Amino acid sequence: MRSLLLLAGLAGALALAQPSLAHQHAAHGAHGAHGASHAIPAPADPVVDAFRAANARMHADMDIPLTGDADVDFVRGMIPHHRGAIEMARIALEHGEDPEIRALAEAVIREQEREIAEMEEWLRARGH
């Protein structure tokens, strides 16, 4: 249960790191990226860039060939999901300052690594 709460909190942090649709619209001009030639792109932000890259890697890694075995497919999909949570927690540790969030990020890393090891062992024991 605690891991689910940690993941929910981290997912919320990622959602806050994503720019709004209005911001994306403004960054590309009123007519999109191919429209107005005078559109000024939003300045690069290393935190936003790091979260976007982590999110893209996690989603790409979660795109696994499905077997139809719900147990196996769940575990195989959750491993990269947990790795994504670890990567986001490391970004929070690198760039964040709030002591409570830093402690949460450390706990996420510790718990997700433990759960990854459990899931990998579960797969190995079943020949996957």
N, C-alpha and C. Protein backbone atom coordinates (compact mmCIF):
# COMPACT_ATOMS: atom_id res chain seq x y z
N MET A 1 0.82 -1.19 0.00
CA MET A 1 0.00 0.00 0.00
C MET A 1 0.87 1.25 0.00
N ARG A 2 1.93 1.24 0.82
CA ARG A 2 2.82 2.40 0.89
C ARG A 2 3.45 2.66 -0.47
N SER A 3 3.84 1.60 -1.19
CA SER A 3 4.44 1.77 -2.51
C SER A 3 3.46 2.42 -3.47
N LEU A 4 2.18 2.03 -3.36
CA LEU A 4 1.18 2.63 -4.24
C LEU A 4 1.03 4.11 -3.94
N LEU A 5 1.06 4.48 -2.66
CA LEU A 5 0.95 5.89 -2.30
C LEU A 5 2.17 6.65 -2.79
N LEU A 6 3.34 6.05 -2.66
CA LEU A 6 4.55 6.70 -3.15
C LEU A 6 4.49 6.90 -4.65
N LEU A 7 4.04 5.88 -5.36
CA LEU A 7 3.94 5.99 -6.82
C LEU A 7 2.92 7.05 -7.21
N ALA A 8 1.81 7.09 -6.50
CA ALA A 8 0.79 8.09 -6.81
C ALA A 8 1.35 9.49 -6.59
N GLY A 9 2.08 9.69 -5.54
CA GLY A 9 2.69 10.99 -5.28
C GLY A 9 3.70 11.35 -6.34
N LEU A 10 4.51 10.40 -6.76
CA LEU A 10 5.51 10.66 -7.79
C LEU A 10 4.85 10.92 -9.13
N ALA A 11 3.78 10.21 -9.42
CA ALA A 11 3.05 10.46 -10.66
C ALA A 11 2.48 11.86 -10.66
N GLY A 12 2.01 12.31 -9.52
CA GLY A 12 1.50 13.68 -9.42
C GLY A 12 2.62 14.69 -9.64
N ALA A 13 3.80 14.41 -9.11
CA ALA A 13 4.93 15.31 -9.33
C ALA A 13 5.29 15.38 -10.80
N LEU A 14 5.24 14.25 -11.48
CA LEU A 14 5.53 14.24 -12.91
C LEU A 14 4.48 15.03 -13.67
N ALA A 15 3.23 14.89 -13.27
CA ALA A 15 2.17 15.63 -13.95
C ALA A 15 2.40 17.14 -13.80
N LEU A 16 2.88 17.56 -12.64
CA LEU A 16 3.15 18.98 -12.43
C LEU A 16 4.33 19.44 -13.27
N ALA A 17 5.26 18.52 -13.57
CA ALA A 17 6.43 18.88 -14.37
C ALA A 17 6.10 19.02 -15.84
N GLN A 18 4.99 18.45 -16.28
CA GLN A 18 4.59 18.54 -17.68
C GLN A 18 3.95 19.89 -17.95
N PRO A 19 4.32 20.55 -19.05
CA PRO A 19 3.72 21.84 -19.34
C PRO A 19 2.25 21.68 -19.69
N SER A 20 1.48 22.73 -19.45
CA SER A 20 0.06 22.69 -19.80
C SER A 20 -0.10 22.77 -21.30
N LEU A 21 -1.28 22.36 -21.77
CA LEU A 21 -1.56 22.48 -23.20
C LEU A 21 -1.52 23.93 -23.63
N ALA A 22 -1.97 24.84 -22.77
CA ALA A 22 -1.93 26.25 -23.12
C ALA A 22 -0.49 26.72 -23.30
N HIS A 23 0.41 26.25 -22.42
CA HIS A 23 1.81 26.61 -22.54
C HIS A 23 2.40 26.05 -23.82
N GLN A 24 2.08 24.81 -24.14
CA GLN A 24 2.56 24.21 -25.38
C GLN A 24 2.04 25.00 -26.56
N HIS A 25 0.77 25.39 -26.52
CA HIS A 25 0.16 26.15 -27.60
C HIS A 25 0.89 27.48 -27.76
N ALA A 26 1.13 28.16 -26.66
CA ALA A 26 1.80 29.46 -26.72
C ALA A 26 3.24 29.31 -27.22
N ALA A 27 3.91 28.23 -26.82
CA ALA A 27 5.30 28.04 -27.22
C ALA A 27 5.42 27.80 -28.72
N HIS A 28 4.40 27.29 -29.35
CA HIS A 28 4.45 26.99 -30.78
C HIS A 28 3.70 28.02 -31.62
N GLY A 29 3.22 29.07 -31.01
CA GLY A 29 2.49 30.09 -31.76
C GLY A 29 1.05 29.68 -31.94
N ALA A 30 0.26 30.59 -32.39
CA ALA A 30 -1.18 30.35 -32.52
C ALA A 30 -1.50 29.30 -33.56
N HIS A 31 -0.61 29.09 -34.53
CA HIS A 31 -0.89 28.15 -35.61
C HIS A 31 -0.05 26.89 -35.52
N GLY A 32 0.58 26.64 -34.39
CA GLY A 32 1.37 25.43 -34.24
C GLY A 32 2.80 25.65 -34.70
N ALA A 33 3.59 24.57 -34.64
CA ALA A 33 5.01 24.66 -34.94
C ALA A 33 5.27 25.06 -36.39
N HIS A 34 4.36 24.77 -37.30
CA HIS A 34 4.57 25.07 -38.71
C HIS A 34 3.95 26.40 -39.11
N GLY A 35 3.27 27.06 -38.17
CA GLY A 35 2.54 28.29 -38.48
C GLY A 35 3.43 29.51 -38.37
N ALA A 36 3.16 30.32 -37.38
CA ALA A 36 3.81 31.61 -37.25
C ALA A 36 5.32 31.46 -37.17
N SER A 37 6.02 32.19 -38.01
CA SER A 37 7.48 32.09 -38.05
C SER A 37 8.13 32.89 -36.94
N HIS A 38 7.37 33.72 -36.24
CA HIS A 38 7.93 34.55 -35.19
C HIS A 38 7.69 33.97 -33.80
N ALA A 39 7.25 32.74 -33.73
CA ALA A 39 7.00 32.12 -32.43
C ALA A 39 8.31 31.95 -31.69
N ILE A 40 8.31 32.27 -30.41
CA ILE A 40 9.50 32.15 -29.58
C ILE A 40 9.37 30.88 -28.76
N PRO A 41 10.30 29.92 -28.93
CA PRO A 41 10.20 28.68 -28.16
C PRO A 41 10.45 28.96 -26.68
N ALA A 42 9.83 28.14 -25.86
CA ALA A 42 10.04 28.24 -24.43
C ALA A 42 11.50 27.91 -24.11
N PRO A 43 12.09 28.59 -23.13
CA PRO A 43 13.48 28.29 -22.78
C PRO A 43 13.61 26.86 -22.24
N ALA A 44 14.76 26.28 -22.47
CA ALA A 44 15.01 24.92 -21.99
C ALA A 44 15.05 24.93 -20.46
N ASP A 45 14.50 23.91 -19.87
CA ASP A 45 14.51 23.76 -18.41
C ASP A 45 15.06 22.37 -18.12
N PRO A 46 16.21 22.27 -17.46
CA PRO A 46 16.81 20.95 -17.24
C PRO A 46 15.94 19.99 -16.44
N VAL A 47 15.13 20.51 -15.53
CA VAL A 47 14.25 19.64 -14.74
C VAL A 47 13.14 19.09 -15.63
N VAL A 48 12.50 19.96 -16.39
CA VAL A 48 11.44 19.53 -17.30
C VAL A 48 12.01 18.54 -18.31
N ASP A 49 13.16 18.86 -18.87
CA ASP A 49 13.79 17.97 -19.85
C ASP A 49 14.09 16.60 -19.24
N ALA A 50 14.58 16.59 -18.01
CA ALA A 50 14.91 15.32 -17.35
C ALA A 50 13.65 14.49 -17.10
N PHE A 51 12.58 15.14 -16.61
CA PHE A 51 11.34 14.40 -16.37
C PHE A 51 10.74 13.89 -17.68
N ARG A 52 10.77 14.70 -18.72
CA ARG A 52 10.24 14.26 -20.01
C ARG A 52 11.02 13.07 -20.55
N ALA A 53 12.34 13.12 -20.44
CA ALA A 53 13.18 12.01 -20.93
C ALA A 53 12.90 10.74 -20.11
N ALA A 54 12.79 10.88 -18.80
CA ALA A 54 12.52 9.71 -17.95
C ALA A 54 11.16 9.12 -18.30
N ASN A 55 10.17 9.98 -18.49
CA ASN A 55 8.83 9.52 -18.83
C ASN A 55 8.84 8.80 -20.18
N ALA A 56 9.54 9.36 -21.16
CA ALA A 56 9.60 8.73 -22.49
C ALA A 56 10.28 7.37 -22.42
N ARG A 57 11.38 7.28 -21.68
CA ARG A 57 12.08 5.99 -21.53
C ARG A 57 11.18 4.96 -20.86
N MET A 58 10.51 5.39 -19.77
CA MET A 58 9.65 4.46 -19.03
C MET A 58 8.55 3.93 -19.94
N HIS A 59 7.89 4.80 -20.67
CA HIS A 59 6.79 4.35 -21.53
C HIS A 59 7.29 3.48 -22.67
N ALA A 60 8.44 3.80 -23.23
CA ALA A 60 9.01 2.95 -24.29
C ALA A 60 9.34 1.57 -23.73
N ASP A 61 9.94 1.53 -22.55
CA ASP A 61 10.32 0.25 -21.94
C ASP A 61 9.12 -0.55 -21.48
N MET A 62 8.00 0.11 -21.20
CA MET A 62 6.79 -0.59 -20.79
C MET A 62 6.05 -1.20 -21.98
N ASP A 63 6.43 -0.82 -23.18
CA ASP A 63 5.79 -1.35 -24.39
C ASP A 63 6.38 -2.72 -24.69
N ILE A 64 5.94 -3.71 -23.93
CA ILE A 64 6.48 -5.07 -24.00
C ILE A 64 5.57 -5.95 -24.85
N PRO A 65 6.14 -6.99 -25.44
CA PRO A 65 5.27 -7.97 -26.11
C PRO A 65 4.43 -8.68 -25.04
N LEU A 66 3.14 -8.67 -25.20
CA LEU A 66 2.26 -9.29 -24.21
C LEU A 66 2.08 -10.77 -24.50
N THR A 67 2.00 -11.55 -23.42
CA THR A 67 1.91 -13.00 -23.55
C THR A 67 0.48 -13.50 -23.40
N GLY A 68 -0.39 -12.68 -22.80
CA GLY A 68 -1.74 -13.14 -22.48
C GLY A 68 -1.81 -13.73 -21.09
N ASP A 69 -0.67 -13.92 -20.44
CA ASP A 69 -0.64 -14.38 -19.04
C ASP A 69 -0.64 -13.11 -18.19
N ALA A 70 -1.75 -12.83 -17.54
CA ALA A 70 -1.90 -11.58 -16.80
C ALA A 70 -0.83 -11.40 -15.73
N ASP A 71 -0.45 -12.49 -15.07
CA ASP A 71 0.57 -12.39 -14.02
C ASP A 71 1.92 -11.99 -14.61
N VAL A 72 2.33 -12.68 -15.64
CA VAL A 72 3.62 -12.41 -16.28
C VAL A 72 3.62 -11.02 -16.91
N ASP A 73 2.56 -10.68 -17.63
CA ASP A 73 2.51 -9.38 -18.30
C ASP A 73 2.52 -8.24 -17.29
N PHE A 74 1.81 -8.42 -16.18
CA PHE A 74 1.81 -7.40 -15.13
C PHE A 74 3.22 -7.18 -14.59
N VAL A 75 3.88 -8.26 -14.22
CA VAL A 75 5.21 -8.15 -13.63
C VAL A 75 6.20 -7.57 -14.64
N ARG A 76 6.15 -8.05 -15.87
CA ARG A 76 7.08 -7.55 -16.89
C ARG A 76 6.85 -6.07 -17.20
N GLY A 77 5.62 -5.61 -17.11
CA GLY A 77 5.34 -4.20 -17.32
C GLY A 77 5.68 -3.33 -16.12
N MET A 78 5.53 -3.90 -14.93
CA MET A 78 5.79 -3.13 -13.72
C MET A 78 7.28 -2.89 -13.48
N ILE A 79 8.13 -3.77 -13.96
CA ILE A 79 9.57 -3.58 -13.76
C ILE A 79 10.03 -2.27 -14.40
N PRO A 80 9.75 -2.02 -15.68
CA PRO A 80 10.17 -0.72 -16.23
C PRO A 80 9.40 0.45 -15.61
N HIS A 81 8.18 0.22 -15.17
CA HIS A 81 7.43 1.27 -14.49
C HIS A 81 8.14 1.68 -13.21
N HIS A 82 8.59 0.69 -12.45
CA HIS A 82 9.33 0.96 -11.21
C HIS A 82 10.67 1.63 -11.53
N ARG A 83 11.34 1.19 -12.59
CA ARG A 83 12.61 1.83 -12.96
C ARG A 83 12.38 3.30 -13.31
N GLY A 84 11.25 3.58 -13.96
CA GLY A 84 10.90 4.97 -14.25
C GLY A 84 10.70 5.77 -12.97
N ALA A 85 10.05 5.17 -11.99
CA ALA A 85 9.85 5.85 -10.70
C ALA A 85 11.19 6.14 -10.03
N ILE A 86 12.11 5.19 -10.12
CA ILE A 86 13.45 5.39 -9.55
C ILE A 86 14.15 6.54 -10.26
N GLU A 87 14.05 6.57 -11.58
CA GLU A 87 14.70 7.64 -12.34
C GLU A 87 14.10 9.01 -11.96
N MET A 88 12.78 9.07 -11.83
CA MET A 88 12.14 10.34 -11.43
C MET A 88 12.56 10.74 -10.02
N ALA A 89 12.69 9.77 -9.12
CA ALA A 89 13.12 10.06 -7.76
C ALA A 89 14.55 10.60 -7.76
N ARG A 90 15.39 10.07 -8.62
CA ARG A 90 16.77 10.56 -8.70
C ARG A 90 16.80 12.00 -9.24
N ILE A 91 15.90 12.30 -10.15
CA ILE A 91 15.81 13.68 -10.65
C ILE A 91 15.40 14.61 -9.51
N ALA A 92 14.44 14.16 -8.71
CA ALA A 92 14.00 14.96 -7.56
C ALA A 92 15.16 15.18 -6.60
N LEU A 93 15.96 14.15 -6.37
CA LEU A 93 17.11 14.30 -5.47
C LEU A 93 18.16 15.24 -6.06
N GLU A 94 18.34 15.19 -7.36
CA GLU A 94 19.35 16.03 -8.00
C GLU A 94 18.93 17.50 -8.03
N HIS A 95 17.66 17.75 -8.25
CA HIS A 95 17.20 19.12 -8.46
C HIS A 95 16.33 19.68 -7.34
N GLY A 96 15.75 18.83 -6.53
CA GLY A 96 14.81 19.30 -5.51
C GLY A 96 15.50 19.75 -4.24
N GLU A 97 14.75 20.48 -3.44
CA GLU A 97 15.29 21.02 -2.20
C GLU A 97 14.47 20.67 -0.97
N ASP A 98 13.20 20.35 -1.15
CA ASP A 98 12.31 20.11 -0.01
C ASP A 98 12.74 18.84 0.72
N PRO A 99 13.05 18.93 2.00
CA PRO A 99 13.51 17.75 2.75
C PRO A 99 12.51 16.60 2.77
N GLU A 100 11.22 16.93 2.83
CA GLU A 100 10.19 15.89 2.85
C GLU A 100 10.16 15.14 1.51
N ILE A 101 10.25 15.87 0.41
CA ILE A 101 10.25 15.23 -0.91
C ILE A 101 11.54 14.46 -1.13
N ARG A 102 12.66 14.97 -0.65
CA ARG A 102 13.93 14.24 -0.77
C ARG A 102 13.84 12.90 -0.02
N ALA A 103 13.25 12.92 1.16
CA ALA A 103 13.08 11.68 1.93
C ALA A 103 12.14 10.73 1.19
N LEU A 104 11.07 11.27 0.63
CA LEU A 104 10.14 10.46 -0.15
C LEU A 104 10.86 9.84 -1.35
N ALA A 105 11.66 10.64 -2.06
CA ALA A 105 12.39 10.12 -3.22
C ALA A 105 13.35 9.00 -2.81
N GLU A 106 14.02 9.16 -1.70
CA GLU A 106 14.92 8.11 -1.21
C GLU A 106 14.14 6.83 -0.89
N ALA A 107 12.98 6.98 -0.29
CA ALA A 107 12.13 5.82 0.04
C ALA A 107 11.63 5.16 -1.24
N VAL A 108 11.26 5.95 -2.24
CA VAL A 108 10.81 5.39 -3.52
C VAL A 108 11.93 4.55 -4.12
N ILE A 109 13.14 5.08 -4.14
CA ILE A 109 14.28 4.34 -4.72
C ILE A 109 14.46 3.02 -3.98
N ARG A 110 14.50 3.09 -2.67
CA ARG A 110 14.72 1.88 -1.85
C ARG A 110 13.62 0.84 -2.08
N GLU A 111 12.37 1.25 -2.02
CA GLU A 111 11.25 0.31 -2.15
C GLU A 111 11.10 -0.22 -3.57
N GLN A 112 11.27 0.64 -4.56
CA GLN A 112 11.11 0.19 -5.94
C GLN A 112 12.23 -0.77 -6.32
N GLU A 113 13.45 -0.52 -5.85
CA GLU A 113 14.55 -1.46 -6.11
C GLU A 113 14.26 -2.82 -5.48
N ARG A 114 13.73 -2.80 -4.26
CA ARG A 114 13.39 -4.05 -3.58
C ARG A 114 12.30 -4.79 -4.36
N GLU A 115 11.28 -4.07 -4.80
CA GLU A 115 10.19 -4.71 -5.54
C GLU A 115 10.65 -5.22 -6.91
N ILE A 116 11.55 -4.49 -7.56
CA ILE A 116 12.10 -4.96 -8.85
C ILE A 116 12.81 -6.29 -8.63
N ALA A 117 13.61 -6.38 -7.58
CA ALA A 117 14.33 -7.63 -7.29
C ALA A 117 13.34 -8.76 -7.05
N GLU A 118 12.25 -8.50 -6.33
CA GLU A 118 11.22 -9.53 -6.09
C GLU A 118 10.59 -9.98 -7.40
N MET A 119 10.25 -9.02 -8.24
CA MET A 119 9.59 -9.36 -9.51
C MET A 119 10.52 -10.11 -10.45
N GLU A 120 11.79 -9.69 -10.49
CA GLU A 120 12.74 -10.40 -11.35
C GLU A 120 12.94 -11.83 -10.86
N GLU A 121 12.98 -12.03 -9.56
CA GLU A 121 13.10 -13.38 -9.00
C GLU A 121 11.85 -14.19 -9.32
N TRP A 122 10.68 -13.58 -9.22
CA TRP A 122 9.42 -14.27 -9.54
C TRP A 122 9.46 -14.73 -10.99
N LEU A 123 9.90 -13.87 -11.90
CA LEU A 123 9.98 -14.25 -13.31
C LEU A 123 10.99 -15.38 -13.52
N ARG A 124 12.17 -15.26 -12.91
CA ARG A 124 13.20 -16.30 -13.04
C ARG A 124 12.69 -17.65 -12.57
N ALA A 125 12.00 -17.65 -11.44
CA ALA A 125 11.48 -18.91 -10.88
C ALA A 125 10.47 -19.58 -11.79
N ARG A 126 9.89 -18.81 -12.70
CA ARG A 126 8.88 -19.34 -13.63
C ARG A 126 9.42 -19.44 -15.05
N GLY A 127 10.73 -19.32 -15.20
CA GLY A 127 11.36 -19.50 -16.50
C GLY A 127 11.21 -18.34 -17.47
N HIS A 128 11.02 -17.14 -16.93
CA HIS A 128 10.86 -15.96 -17.79
C HIS A 128 12.04 -15.04 -17.63
